[in-house]
Amino acid sequence: MPHRGNEVRAEEDLAGTVVWPADTRDLSRIGDAWVATATGDFTPDDLTQVRRHFPDRHVTLDGDTITVWPHPTPER
């Protein structure tokens, strides 16, 4: 279920609320990944803001979508 980005708590930040960029329209969680969509295009500053909240994760920007990729699975 999508949520307003500024109202979502991430498990990685249980002590406080993850602050998503102001233009976040929807935020979805798919497994261990987060997908944020904006009303327009996100900026490089928005990407930096999200990366600060997820320093140990791969975070990418593609226009109106920021993806926080899941933790890598261990090799079997």
Protein backbone atom coordinates (compact mmCIF):
# COMPACT_ATOMS: atom_id res chain seq x y z
CA MET A 1 0.00 0.00 0.00
CA PRO A 2 1.51 3.37 -0.97
CA HIS A 3 1.95 5.98 1.75
CA ARG A 4 2.78 9.63 1.90
CA GLY A 5 6.56 9.52 2.10
CA ASN A 6 7.04 11.79 5.10
CA GLU A 7 4.80 9.55 7.25
CA VAL A 8 6.55 6.21 6.76
CA ARG A 9 8.85 4.56 9.28
CA ALA A 10 11.66 2.41 7.95
CA GLU A 11 12.83 -0.59 9.97
CA GLU A 12 16.40 0.70 9.57
CA ASP A 13 15.43 3.89 11.43
CA LEU A 14 13.29 2.69 14.35
CA ALA A 15 14.40 5.58 16.55
CA GLY A 16 12.76 8.17 14.28
CA THR A 17 10.97 8.82 11.04
CA VAL A 18 12.81 8.58 7.74
CA VAL A 19 12.35 11.94 6.04
CA TRP A 20 11.73 11.36 2.35
CA PRO A 21 12.09 14.20 -0.19
CA ALA A 22 9.28 16.74 -0.08
CA ASP A 23 8.04 15.85 -3.58
CA THR A 24 7.49 12.17 -2.67
CA ARG A 25 4.03 11.19 -3.88
CA ASP A 26 4.00 7.47 -3.10
CA LEU A 27 6.22 5.14 -1.16
CA SER A 28 6.08 1.37 -1.48
CA ARG A 29 7.95 -1.43 0.21
CA ILE A 30 8.72 -4.54 -1.80
CA GLY A 31 10.45 -7.06 0.41
CA ASP A 32 13.57 -5.33 1.69
CA ALA A 33 13.43 -2.59 -0.99
CA TRP A 34 11.81 0.84 -0.94
CA VAL A 35 10.45 2.59 -4.05
CA ALA A 36 9.62 6.29 -3.82
CA THR A 37 7.80 8.12 -6.63
CA ALA A 38 7.63 11.89 -6.97
CA THR A 39 5.10 14.34 -8.38
CA GLY A 40 7.84 15.40 -10.85
CA ASP A 41 11.48 14.39 -11.16
CA PHE A 42 13.61 13.92 -8.06
CA THR A 43 16.84 15.92 -7.93
CA PRO A 44 20.40 14.80 -7.15
CA ASP A 45 19.95 16.49 -3.74
CA ASP A 46 16.91 14.25 -3.12
CA LEU A 47 19.05 11.21 -3.94
CA THR A 48 21.73 12.39 -1.50
CA GLN A 49 19.10 12.87 1.21
CA VAL A 50 17.82 9.29 0.81
CA ARG A 51 21.36 7.87 0.66
CA ARG A 52 22.09 9.50 4.03
CA HIS A 53 19.24 7.50 5.57
CA PHE A 54 20.40 4.24 3.97
CA PRO A 55 24.23 4.46 3.98
CA ASP A 56 24.71 0.69 3.71
CA ARG A 57 22.30 0.26 0.79
CA HIS A 58 22.46 0.80 -2.97
CA VAL A 59 20.18 3.77 -3.81
CA THR A 60 19.42 4.86 -7.38
CA LEU A 61 17.58 7.72 -9.08
CA ASP A 62 15.66 7.40 -12.35
CA GLY A 63 13.65 10.56 -13.01
CA ASP A 64 10.59 10.41 -10.76
CA THR A 65 11.69 7.22 -8.95
CA ILE A 66 14.21 6.62 -6.17
CA THR A 67 14.87 2.97 -5.34
CA VAL A 68 16.52 1.72 -2.17
CA TRP A 69 17.64 -1.72 -3.28
CA PRO A 70 17.43 -4.73 -0.98
CA HIS A 71 20.41 -5.98 0.98
CA PRO A 72 22.39 -8.44 -1.14
CA THR A 73 21.67 -12.08 -0.39
CA PRO A 74 24.62 -14.20 0.67
CA GLU A 75 26.12 -16.50 -1.93
CA ARG A 76 25.09 -20.11 -1.51
